[in-house]
Structure formats: C-alpha cells, structure tokens
Amino acid sequence: MSLAADIVVALVALLHVYFLILEMFLWDKPLGMKTFRLTPERARDTKVLAANQGLYNGFLAAGLVWGLWQGAFGFQIKLFFLACVLAAGVFGAATVNRRILFVQALPAALGIALLWLA
C-alpha cells in the first residue's frame, strides 16, 4: 500500500508540474488558451496572474517530491502538501470550475487515503 501511496503522490506532483508549465509558460499559447478556455485578449490580460498561480503549483509539486525524498519520514510532509492540494482543488471547484474537483482534489484525496492506509 505504501508503494501505491507514493505512486499517487508522484502523479499529483507531476500534475502540478504540468499545471506550472501551463500557467507560467503556455498561458497565452494555443494549448493554454484551449485548456483554460481563454480568448487571446483575456490570456494577455491575465498572464502575470497565471504565472504567479503556476509558481504556487510548483511549490506544491516541490513539497510532494520533498516528502517522497524523505522516505518513511516523509509521511507528514506528503500529508501536508496533499491537504494543501485538496484544499486548493475544493476551492477552485467552488469558485472557478467544477472540473477542478476531479482533476486536482480527487487525486489528492486518493493520495491522502492511501497514505493513511499504508
């Protein structure tokens, strides 16, 4: 079960690296605009905000990788950062788009459950 938990933690970390790339570097490019349903004007006007948001996603990914790096001692670190991801996902689903619940919050909740079971 510990391996399954670490795999989910790693996948959540990779997701947040992907979010970082989308928000920091591809926000005003075709993939970013398609993903976030943006017009070129809206992408241009919100690019700096998105980059800031992407940086925070990078911090979440870094924290999860740090927890993985710590091995058995990383339980609390992984739990903390997964809880942060879960909170961000629930807030995003409530305020931006319900899809965020499934893309961000659900994987974090699964990771938390697997951590506790391990």
C-alpha atoms as a PDB file:
ATOM      1  CA  MET A   1       0.000   0.000   0.000  1.00  0.00           C
ATOM      2  CA  SER A   2       2.939   2.307   0.674  1.00  0.00           C
ATOM      3  CA  LEU A   3       4.094   1.957  -2.928  1.00  0.00           C
ATOM      4  CA  ALA A   4       0.594   2.788  -4.208  1.00  0.00           C
ATOM      5  CA  ALA A   5       0.510   5.889  -1.992  1.00  0.00           C
ATOM      6  CA  ASP A   6       3.907   7.024  -3.254  1.00  0.00           C
ATOM      7  CA  ILE A   7       2.846   6.473  -6.862  1.00  0.00           C
ATOM      8  CA  VAL A   8      -0.238   8.646  -6.354  1.00  0.00           C
ATOM      9  CA  VAL A   9       1.849  11.308  -4.578  1.00  0.00           C
ATOM     10  CA  ALA A  10       4.282  11.290  -7.516  1.00  0.00           C
ATOM     11  CA  LEU A  11       1.410  11.579 -10.006  1.00  0.00           C
ATOM     12  CA  VAL A  12      -0.074  14.521  -8.098  1.00  0.00           C
ATOM     13  CA  ALA A  13       3.375  16.146  -8.103  1.00  0.00           C
ATOM     14  CA  LEU A  14       3.678  15.591 -11.876  1.00  0.00           C
ATOM     15  CA  LEU A  15       0.209  17.066 -12.379  1.00  0.00           C
ATOM     16  CA  HIS A  16       1.310  20.198 -10.563  1.00  0.00           C
ATOM     17  CA  VAL A  17       4.478  20.446 -12.638  1.00  0.00           C
ATOM     18  CA  TYR A  18       2.193  20.263 -15.681  1.00  0.00           C
ATOM     19  CA  PHE A  19      -0.030  22.999 -14.198  1.00  0.00           C
ATOM     20  CA  LEU A  20       3.105  25.096 -13.611  1.00  0.00           C
ATOM     21  CA  ILE A  21       4.114  24.732 -17.264  1.00  0.00           C
ATOM     22  CA  LEU A  22       0.608  25.523 -18.498  1.00  0.00           C
ATOM     23  CA  GLU A  23       0.207  28.588 -16.301  1.00  0.00           C
ATOM     24  CA  MET A  24       3.730  30.013 -16.416  1.00  0.00           C
ATOM     25  CA  PHE A  25       4.772  29.295 -19.987  1.00  0.00           C
ATOM     26  CA  LEU A  26       1.769  28.257 -22.107  1.00  0.00           C
ATOM     27  CA  TRP A  27      -0.985  30.501 -20.749  1.00  0.00           C
ATOM     28  CA  ASP A  28      -1.169  32.667 -23.872  1.00  0.00           C
ATOM     29  CA  LYS A  29      -0.230  29.878 -26.294  1.00  0.00           C
ATOM     30  CA  PRO A  30      -2.801  27.700 -28.112  1.00  0.00           C
ATOM     31  CA  LEU A  31      -2.648  24.814 -25.603  1.00  0.00           C
ATOM     32  CA  GLY A  32      -3.001  27.123 -22.599  1.00  0.00           C
ATOM     33  CA  MET A  33      -5.826  29.117 -24.139  1.00  0.00           C
ATOM     34  CA  LYS A  34      -7.657  25.939 -25.150  1.00  0.00           C
ATOM     35  CA  THR A  35      -7.167  24.315 -21.732  1.00  0.00           C
ATOM     36  CA  PHE A  36      -8.440  27.352 -19.832  1.00  0.00           C
ATOM     37  CA  ARG A  37     -10.929  28.478 -22.499  1.00  0.00           C
ATOM     38  CA  LEU A  38      -9.316  31.887 -22.911  1.00  0.00           C
ATOM     39  CA  THR A  39      -9.517  34.458 -25.638  1.00  0.00           C
ATOM     40  CA  PRO A  40      -6.183  35.952 -26.716  1.00  0.00           C
ATOM     41  CA  GLU A  41      -7.157  39.217 -25.019  1.00  0.00           C
ATOM     42  CA  ARG A  42      -8.078  37.544 -21.731  1.00  0.00           C
ATOM     43  CA  ALA A  43      -4.883  35.464 -21.817  1.00  0.00           C
ATOM     44  CA  ARG A  44      -2.799  38.596 -22.360  1.00  0.00           C
ATOM     45  CA  ASP A  45      -4.559  40.469 -19.545  1.00  0.00           C
ATOM     46  CA  THR A  46      -4.205  37.631 -17.017  1.00  0.00           C
ATOM     47  CA  LYS A  47      -0.781  36.275 -17.972  1.00  0.00           C
ATOM     48  CA  VAL A  48       1.042  37.659 -14.914  1.00  0.00           C
ATOM     49  CA  LEU A  49      -1.636  36.345 -12.532  1.00  0.00           C
ATOM     50  CA  ALA A  50      -1.446  32.920 -14.159  1.00  0.00           C
ATOM     51  CA  ALA A  51       2.343  32.859 -13.842  1.00  0.00           C
ATOM     52  CA  ASN A  52       2.002  33.559 -10.115  1.00  0.00           C
ATOM     53  CA  GLN A  53      -0.539  30.768  -9.833  1.00  0.00           C
ATOM     54  CA  GLY A  54       1.803  28.446 -11.725  1.00  0.00           C
ATOM     55  CA  LEU A  55       4.618  29.243  -9.319  1.00  0.00           C
ATOM     56  CA  TYR A  56       2.426  28.146  -6.403  1.00  0.00           C
ATOM     57  CA  ASN A  57       1.688  24.894  -8.208  1.00  0.00           C
ATOM     58  CA  GLY A  58       5.432  24.419  -8.493  1.00  0.00           C
ATOM     59  CA  PHE A  59       5.770  24.836  -4.721  1.00  0.00           C
ATOM     60  CA  LEU A  60       3.125  22.147  -4.203  1.00  0.00           C
ATOM     61  CA  ALA A  61       4.970  19.796  -6.551  1.00  0.00           C
ATOM     62  CA  ALA A  62       8.279  20.528  -4.822  1.00  0.00           C
ATOM     63  CA  GLY A  63       6.763  19.788  -1.413  1.00  0.00           C
ATOM     64  CA  LEU A  64       5.371  16.473  -2.597  1.00  0.00           C
ATOM     65  CA  VAL A  65       8.721  15.474  -4.130  1.00  0.00           C
ATOM     66  CA  TRP A  66      10.430  16.510  -0.889  1.00  0.00           C
ATOM     67  CA  GLY A  67       8.071  14.214   1.011  1.00  0.00           C
ATOM     68  CA  LEU A  68       8.859  11.351  -1.351  1.00  0.00           C
ATOM     69  CA  TRP A  69      12.572  12.029  -0.960  1.00  0.00           C
ATOM     70  CA  GLN A  70      12.290  11.640   2.818  1.00  0.00           C
ATOM     71  CA  GLY A  71      11.102   8.036   2.560  1.00  0.00           C
ATOM     72  CA  ALA A  72       9.307   6.810   5.681  1.00  0.00           C
ATOM     73  CA  PHE A  73       9.984  10.108   7.414  1.00  0.00           C
ATOM     74  CA  GLY A  74       8.104  11.979   4.695  1.00  0.00           C
ATOM     75  CA  PHE A  75       4.606  10.922   5.779  1.00  0.00           C
ATOM     76  CA  GLN A  76       3.750  14.251   7.426  1.00  0.00           C
ATOM     77  CA  ILE A  77       5.262  16.260   4.581  1.00  0.00           C
ATOM     78  CA  LYS A  78       3.283  14.336   1.953  1.00  0.00           C
ATOM     79  CA  LEU A  79       0.128  14.589   4.054  1.00  0.00           C
ATOM     80  CA  PHE A  80       0.535  18.345   4.488  1.00  0.00           C
ATOM     81  CA  PHE A  81       1.113  19.050   0.797  1.00  0.00           C
ATOM     82  CA  LEU A  82      -1.678  16.703  -0.316  1.00  0.00           C
ATOM     83  CA  ALA A  83      -4.009  18.515   2.103  1.00  0.00           C
ATOM     84  CA  CYS A  84      -2.936  21.824   0.513  1.00  0.00           C
ATOM     85  CA  VAL A  85      -3.673  20.414  -2.944  1.00  0.00           C
ATOM     86  CA  LEU A  86      -7.040  19.111  -1.739  1.00  0.00           C
ATOM     87  CA  ALA A  87      -7.973  22.490  -0.243  1.00  0.00           C
ATOM     88  CA  ALA A  88      -6.921  24.303  -3.424  1.00  0.00           C
ATOM     89  CA  GLY A  89      -8.902  21.833  -5.530  1.00  0.00           C
ATOM     90  CA  VAL A  90     -12.072  22.196  -3.460  1.00  0.00           C
ATOM     91  CA  PHE A  91     -11.765  25.989  -3.502  1.00  0.00           C
ATOM     92  CA  GLY A  92     -11.110  26.004  -7.251  1.00  0.00           C
ATOM     93  CA  ALA A  93     -14.094  23.757  -7.882  1.00  0.00           C
ATOM     94  CA  ALA A  94     -16.318  26.026  -5.806  1.00  0.00           C
ATOM     95  CA  THR A  95     -15.118  29.273  -7.354  1.00  0.00           C
ATOM     96  CA  VAL A  96     -13.863  28.541 -10.869  1.00  0.00           C
ATOM     97  CA  ASN A  97     -14.899  25.246 -12.420  1.00  0.00           C
ATOM     98  CA  ARG A  98     -16.297  22.011 -11.040  1.00  0.00           C
ATOM     99  CA  ARG A  99     -13.828  20.004 -13.178  1.00  0.00           C
ATOM    100  CA  ILE A 100     -11.069  21.061 -10.779  1.00  0.00           C
ATOM    101  CA  LEU A 101     -12.651  18.806  -8.171  1.00  0.00           C
ATOM    102  CA  PHE A 102     -11.861  15.775 -10.336  1.00  0.00           C
ATOM    103  CA  VAL A 103      -8.535  16.902 -11.798  1.00  0.00           C
ATOM    104  CA  GLN A 104      -6.940  18.249  -8.622  1.00  0.00           C
ATOM    105  CA  ALA A 105      -8.911  17.458  -5.458  1.00  0.00           C
ATOM    106  CA  LEU A 106      -9.813  13.827  -6.150  1.00  0.00           C
ATOM    107  CA  PRO A 107      -6.218  12.656  -6.803  1.00  0.00           C
ATOM    108  CA  ALA A 108      -5.093  14.447  -3.626  1.00  0.00           C
ATOM    109  CA  ALA A 109      -7.893  12.817  -1.613  1.00  0.00           C
ATOM    110  CA  LEU A 110      -6.915   9.430  -3.018  1.00  0.00           C
ATOM    111  CA  GLY A 111      -3.298  10.082  -2.040  1.00  0.00           C
ATOM    112  CA  ILE A 112      -4.330  11.027   1.494  1.00  0.00           C
ATOM    113  CA  ALA A 113      -6.450   7.895   1.830  1.00  0.00           C
ATOM    114  CA  LEU A 114      -3.626   5.678   0.567  1.00  0.00           C
ATOM    115  CA  LEU A 115      -1.124   7.346   2.887  1.00  0.00           C
ATOM    116  CA  TRP A 116      -3.328   6.627   5.888  1.00  0.00           C
ATOM    117  CA  LEU A 117      -3.910   3.039   4.782  1.00  0.00           C
ATOM    118  CA  ALA A 118      -0.186   2.472   4.307  1.00  0.00           C
END
